[in-house]
C-alpha atoms as a PDB file:
ATOM      1  CA  MET A   1       0.000   0.000   0.000  1.00  0.00           C
ATOM      2  CA  MET A   2       1.351   3.409  -0.972  1.00  0.00           C
ATOM      3  CA  THR A   3       1.315   6.186   1.561  1.00  0.00           C
ATOM      4  CA  PRO A   4      -0.108   9.522   0.338  1.00  0.00           C
ATOM      5  CA  VAL A   5       2.243  12.493   0.400  1.00  0.00           C
ATOM      6  CA  ARG A   6       1.226  16.159   0.517  1.00  0.00           C
ATOM      7  CA  VAL A   7       3.047  18.239  -2.088  1.00  0.00           C
ATOM      8  CA  SER A   8       2.818  22.013  -2.281  1.00  0.00           C
ATOM      9  CA  LYS A   9       2.065  23.808  -5.515  1.00  0.00           C
ATOM     10  CA  LYS A  10       4.823  26.282  -4.680  1.00  0.00           C
ATOM     11  CA  PRO A  11       7.716  25.618  -7.131  1.00  0.00           C
ATOM     12  CA  GLY A  12      10.841  24.135  -5.607  1.00  0.00           C
ATOM     13  CA  ALA A  13       9.285  23.621  -2.195  1.00  0.00           C
ATOM     14  CA  VAL A  14      10.168  20.621  -0.044  1.00  0.00           C
ATOM     15  CA  HIS A  15       7.615  19.456   2.501  1.00  0.00           C
ATOM     16  CA  GLU A  16       7.300  16.890   5.220  1.00  0.00           C
ATOM     17  CA  ALA A  17       4.039  15.032   5.520  1.00  0.00           C
ATOM     18  CA  ALA A  18       3.070  12.836   8.384  1.00  0.00           C
ATOM     19  CA  ALA A  19       1.930   9.551   6.950  1.00  0.00           C
ATOM     20  CA  GLY A  20       1.627   6.273   8.758  1.00  0.00           C
ATOM     21  CA  GLY A  21       3.376   7.657  11.823  1.00  0.00           C
ATOM     22  CA  GLY A  22       6.548   8.753   9.954  1.00  0.00           C
ATOM     23  CA  ASN A  23       7.763  11.808   8.119  1.00  0.00           C
ATOM     24  CA  ILE A  24       8.105  11.628   4.321  1.00  0.00           C
ATOM     25  CA  MET A  25       9.978  14.192   2.251  1.00  0.00           C
ATOM     26  CA  ALA A  26       8.377  15.190  -1.056  1.00  0.00           C
ATOM     27  CA  ILE A  27       9.900  17.460  -3.712  1.00  0.00           C
ATOM     28  CA  ASP A  28       7.703  19.397  -6.113  1.00  0.00           C
ATOM     29  CA  PRO A  29       7.980  18.710  -9.839  1.00  0.00           C
ATOM     30  CA  ALA A  30      10.594  20.681 -11.759  1.00  0.00           C
ATOM     31  CA  LEU A  31      10.017  24.326 -12.502  1.00  0.00           C
ATOM     32  CA  PRO A  32       8.465  25.012 -15.900  1.00  0.00           C
ATOM     33  CA  GLU A  33      10.938  25.633 -18.707  1.00  0.00           C
ATOM     34  CA  TRP A  34      11.427  29.228 -19.841  1.00  0.00           C
ATOM     35  CA  GLU A  35       9.816  30.008 -23.210  1.00  0.00           C
ATOM     36  CA  GLY A  36      10.910  33.569 -23.950  1.00  0.00           C
ATOM     37  CA  PRO A  37      11.301  35.711 -25.891  1.00  0.00           C
ATOM     38  CA  ALA A  38      13.694  38.163 -24.281  1.00  0.00           C
ATOM     39  CA  GLN A  39      15.463  41.143 -25.788  1.00  0.00           C
ATOM     40  CA  LEU A  40      18.798  42.231 -24.380  1.00  0.00           C
ATOM     41  CA  THR A  41      20.696  45.269 -25.573  1.00  0.00           C
ATOM     42  CA  CYS A  42      24.438  44.832 -25.816  1.00  0.00           C
ATOM     43  CA  SER A  43      27.311  47.225 -26.449  1.00  0.00           C
ATOM     44  CA  PHE A  44      30.399  46.733 -28.587  1.00  0.00           C
ATOM     45  CA  VAL A  45      33.589  45.896 -26.665  1.00  0.00           C
ATOM     46  CA  SER A  46      36.113  44.612 -29.211  1.00  0.00           C
ATOM     47  CA  ALA A  47      36.401  43.076 -32.666  1.00  0.00           C
ATOM     48  CA  HIS A  48      38.210  39.817 -33.404  1.00  0.00           C
ATOM     49  CA  THR A  49      38.862  37.767 -36.545  1.00  0.00           C
ATOM     50  CA  HIS A  50      35.678  35.660 -36.472  1.00  0.00           C
ATOM     51  CA  THR A  51      33.763  37.331 -33.646  1.00  0.00           C
ATOM     52  CA  VAL A  52      32.738  40.624 -32.087  1.00  0.00           C
ATOM     53  CA  LEU A  53      32.619  40.851 -28.290  1.00  0.00           C
ATOM     54  CA  TYR A  54      29.459  42.477 -26.921  1.00  0.00           C
ATOM     55  CA  ARG A  55      28.593  43.129 -23.277  1.00  0.00           C
ATOM     56  CA  TRP A  56      25.053  43.179 -21.872  1.00  0.00           C
ATOM     57  CA  CYS A  57      23.929  46.763 -21.117  1.00  0.00           C
ATOM     58  CA  GLN A  58      21.634  45.461 -18.340  1.00  0.00           C
ATOM     59  CA  ASP A  59      24.648  44.117 -16.398  1.00  0.00           C
ATOM     60  CA  PRO A  60      27.985  45.381 -17.728  1.00  0.00           C
ATOM     61  CA  ASP A  61      29.882  43.109 -15.319  1.00  0.00           C
ATOM     62  CA  LEU A  62      28.707  40.092 -17.319  1.00  0.00           C
ATOM     63  CA  THR A  63      30.212  39.137 -20.643  1.00  0.00           C
ATOM     64  CA  GLY A  64      27.456  39.060 -23.234  1.00  0.00           C
ATOM     65  CA  PHE A  65      29.004  36.964 -25.900  1.00  0.00           C
ATOM     66  CA  TYR A  66      31.433  36.698 -28.709  1.00  0.00           C
ATOM     67  CA  ALA A  67      28.962  37.196 -31.538  1.00  0.00           C
ATOM     68  CA  PRO A  68      29.973  35.265 -34.641  1.00  0.00           C
ATOM     69  CA  ARG A  69      30.407  37.760 -37.480  1.00  0.00           C
ATOM     70  CA  ALA A  70      28.202  35.473 -39.587  1.00  0.00           C
ATOM     71  CA  LEU A  71      25.344  36.081 -37.114  1.00  0.00           C
ATOM     72  CA  LEU A  72      25.533  39.874 -37.319  1.00  0.00           C
ATOM     73  CA  PRO A  73      22.844  41.404 -39.594  1.00  0.00           C
ATOM     74  CA  VAL A  74      25.420  43.753 -41.148  1.00  0.00           C
ATOM     75  CA  GLY A  75      28.461  43.337 -43.380  1.00  0.00           C
ATOM     76  CA  ALA A  76      31.293  41.176 -42.040  1.00  0.00           C
ATOM     77  CA  ASP A  77      33.536  44.257 -41.690  1.00  0.00           C
ATOM     78  CA  GLU A  78      30.976  46.314 -39.777  1.00  0.00           C
ATOM     79  CA  THR A  79      30.721  46.324 -35.987  1.00  0.00           C
ATOM     80  CA  PRO A  80      27.650  48.209 -34.730  1.00  0.00           C
ATOM     81  CA  GLU A  81      28.132  49.985 -31.399  1.00  0.00           C
ATOM     82  CA  GLN A  82      24.872  48.528 -30.098  1.00  0.00           C
ATOM     83  CA  MET A  83      22.919  45.391 -30.944  1.00  0.00           C
ATOM     84  CA  VAL A  84      19.759  43.809 -29.604  1.00  0.00           C
ATOM     85  CA  THR A  85      19.975  40.102 -28.932  1.00  0.00           C
ATOM     86  CA  VAL A  86      16.641  38.311 -29.145  1.00  0.00           C
ATOM     87  CA  LEU A  87      16.485  35.002 -27.248  1.00  0.00           C
ATOM     88  CA  ALA A  88      13.755  32.356 -27.181  1.00  0.00           C
ATOM     89  CA  ARG A  89      13.426  28.657 -26.438  1.00  0.00           C
ATOM     90  CA  SER A  90      13.914  26.531 -29.539  1.00  0.00           C
ATOM     91  CA  SER A  91      10.743  24.726 -30.583  1.00  0.00           C
ATOM     92  CA  ARG A  92      12.605  21.880 -32.288  1.00  0.00           C
ATOM     93  CA  PRO A  93      13.194  18.581 -30.502  1.00  0.00           C
ATOM     94  CA  LEU A  94      16.693  17.869 -29.185  1.00  0.00           C
ATOM     95  CA  TYR A  95      16.688  14.192 -30.197  1.00  0.00           C
ATOM     96  CA  THR A  96      15.372  12.019 -32.999  1.00  0.00           C
ATOM     97  CA  PHE A  97      12.584   9.605 -32.112  1.00  0.00           C
ATOM     98  CA  GLY A  98      12.889   5.837 -31.838  1.00  0.00           C
ATOM     99  CA  PHE A  99      15.426   3.333 -30.589  1.00  0.00           C
ATOM    100  CA  GLY A 100      18.397   4.940 -32.323  1.00  0.00           C
ATOM    101  CA  ARG A 101      17.885   8.302 -30.613  1.00  0.00           C
ATOM    102  CA  GLU A 102      20.488  10.767 -31.775  1.00  0.00           C
ATOM    103  CA  ARG A 103      20.954  14.399 -30.829  1.00  0.00           C
ATOM    104  CA  ILE A 104      19.719  16.783 -33.533  1.00  0.00           C
ATOM    105  CA  THR A 105      22.363  19.305 -34.554  1.00  0.00           C
ATOM    106  CA  PRO A 106      21.444  22.944 -33.777  1.00  0.00           C
ATOM    107  CA  ARG A 107      20.443  25.005 -36.818  1.00  0.00           C
ATOM    108  CA  VAL A 108      22.731  27.790 -37.986  1.00  0.00           C
ATOM    109  CA  THR A 109      21.164  30.158 -40.525  1.00  0.00           C
ATOM    110  CA  PRO A 110      21.955  33.721 -41.671  1.00  0.00           C
ATOM    111  CA  ASP A 111      18.956  34.961 -39.634  1.00  0.00           C
ATOM    112  CA  PHE A 112      19.341  33.043 -36.360  1.00  0.00           C
ATOM    113  CA  TRP A 113      21.362  30.391 -34.574  1.00  0.00           C
ATOM    114  CA  GLU A 114      20.325  27.656 -32.184  1.00  0.00           C
ATOM    115  CA  VAL A 115      22.733  27.150 -29.290  1.00  0.00           C
ATOM    116  CA  ASP A 116      22.854  24.273 -26.796  1.00  0.00           C
ATOM    117  CA  PHE A 117      23.168  24.466 -23.021  1.00  0.00           C
ATOM    118  CA  SER A 118      26.761  23.960 -21.923  1.00  0.00           C
ATOM    119  CA  ASP A 119      27.223  25.021 -18.294  1.00  0.00           C
ATOM    120  CA  GLU A 120      25.576  26.808 -15.385  1.00  0.00           C
ATOM    121  CA  CYS A 121      27.781  29.416 -13.729  1.00  0.00           C
ATOM    122  CA  ALA A 122      27.164  31.723 -10.762  1.00  0.00           C
ATOM    123  CA  LYS A 123      25.334  34.491 -12.658  1.00  0.00           C
ATOM    124  CA  VAL A 124      24.975  33.124 -16.185  1.00  0.00           C
ATOM    125  CA  ILE A 125      23.950  30.111 -18.224  1.00  0.00           C
ATOM    126  CA  ARG A 126      26.471  29.280 -20.955  1.00  0.00           C
ATOM    127  CA  TYR A 127      25.277  28.070 -24.350  1.00  0.00           C
ATOM    128  CA  GLU A 128      27.476  26.904 -27.240  1.00  0.00           C
ATOM    129  CA  VAL A 129      27.294  25.976 -30.903  1.00  0.00           C
ATOM    130  CA  TRP A 130      29.891  24.491 -33.232  1.00  0.00           C
ATOM    131  CA  TYR A 131      30.131  26.272 -36.582  1.00  0.00           C
ATOM    132  CA  SER A 132      32.811  26.311 -39.297  1.00  0.00           C
ATOM    133  CA  GLY A 133      35.337  24.511 -37.138  1.00  0.00           C
ATOM    134  CA  GLN A 134      34.915  26.758 -34.104  1.00  0.00           C
ATOM    135  CA  THR A 135      32.877  26.829 -30.900  1.00  0.00           C
ATOM    136  CA  TYR A 136      30.860  29.985 -30.261  1.00  0.00           C
ATOM    137  CA  LYS A 137      29.572  30.804 -26.767  1.00  0.00           C
ATOM    138  CA  ILE A 138      26.850  33.042 -25.381  1.00  0.00           C
ATOM    139  CA  TYR A 139      26.503  33.815 -21.674  1.00  0.00           C
ATOM    140  CA  VAL A 140      22.869  34.500 -20.770  1.00  0.00           C
ATOM    141  CA  PRO A 141      22.217  36.178 -17.392  1.00  0.00           C
ATOM    142  CA  LYS A 142      20.150  33.916 -15.116  1.00  0.00           C
ATOM    143  CA  ALA A 143      17.780  36.831 -14.511  1.00  0.00           C
ATOM    144  CA  VAL A 144      16.547  36.467 -18.119  1.00  0.00           C
ATOM    145  CA  PHE A 145      14.883  33.184 -17.189  1.00  0.00           C
ATOM    146  CA  GLY A 146      12.860  34.825 -14.401  1.00  0.00           C
ATOM    147  CA  GLY A 147      12.932  31.888 -11.985  1.00  0.00           C
ATOM    148  CA  HIS A 148      12.089  29.322 -14.677  1.00  0.00           C
ATOM    149  CA  ARG A 149      14.266  26.383 -15.636  1.00  0.00           C
ATOM    150  CA  HIS A 150      16.666  27.288 -18.464  1.00  0.00           C
ATOM    151  CA  PRO A 151      16.014  25.534 -21.803  1.00  0.00           C
ATOM    152  CA  GLU A 152      18.456  22.980 -23.195  1.00  0.00           C
ATOM    153  CA  ARG A 153      18.489  24.869 -26.520  1.00  0.00           C
ATOM    154  CA  ILE A 154      17.705  28.482 -27.359  1.00  0.00           C
ATOM    155  CA  VAL A 155      17.417  30.522 -30.540  1.00  0.00           C
ATOM    156  CA  VAL A 156      19.638  33.611 -30.804  1.00  0.00           C
ATOM    157  CA  GLN A 157      19.070  36.460 -33.234  1.00  0.00           C
ATOM    158  CA  MET A 158      21.078  39.672 -33.477  1.00  0.00           C
ATOM    159  CA  VAL A 159      19.244  42.815 -34.596  1.00  0.00           C
ATOM    160  CA  VAL A 160      20.404  46.402 -35.116  1.00  0.00           C
ATOM    161  CA  PRO A 161      18.260  48.461 -32.663  1.00  0.00           C
ATOM    162  CA  GLY A 162      16.656  50.612 -35.396  1.00  0.00           C
ATOM    163  CA  ASN A 163      15.603  47.480 -37.324  1.00  0.00           C
ATOM    164  CA  LEU A 164      13.794  45.756 -34.453  1.00  0.00           C
ATOM    165  CA  ALA A 165      10.223  44.789 -35.361  1.00  0.00           C
ATOM    166  CA  GLN A 166       7.634  46.222 -32.983  1.00  0.00           C
END
């Protein structure tokens, strides 16, 4: 016979429930996954051969990311002083279906890139993608996810502030 356990609807809560004379610990289900979208403004820091380093304006102490020049919506030689980074959870599955499950490679297009979760740091979640023989990283502030669980894959789009669709 299974003993019933009281579980709170408050995310992340741990509760004890008296059942059958003993205490039972119950953990709530995982937090819902963040959906997005989010828009973060970033400022130019420095230009490199294949990337441009941008820093988040919302928290200048955090590295934004080394934006691949191929992802920038301008010519490869241009480096806008400010960009808006649009982030959202990818709607594509991470794995193929069936017995031979294989991880689906993130999409890389001229308009957007999908990046996969890599690591959780103190203030940021690191995402990465492999493209043209190089790994590109983006550091997303945890605050973007607003208390939700970070997605395993996100879509990243860079937009010049004046060209942002309303």
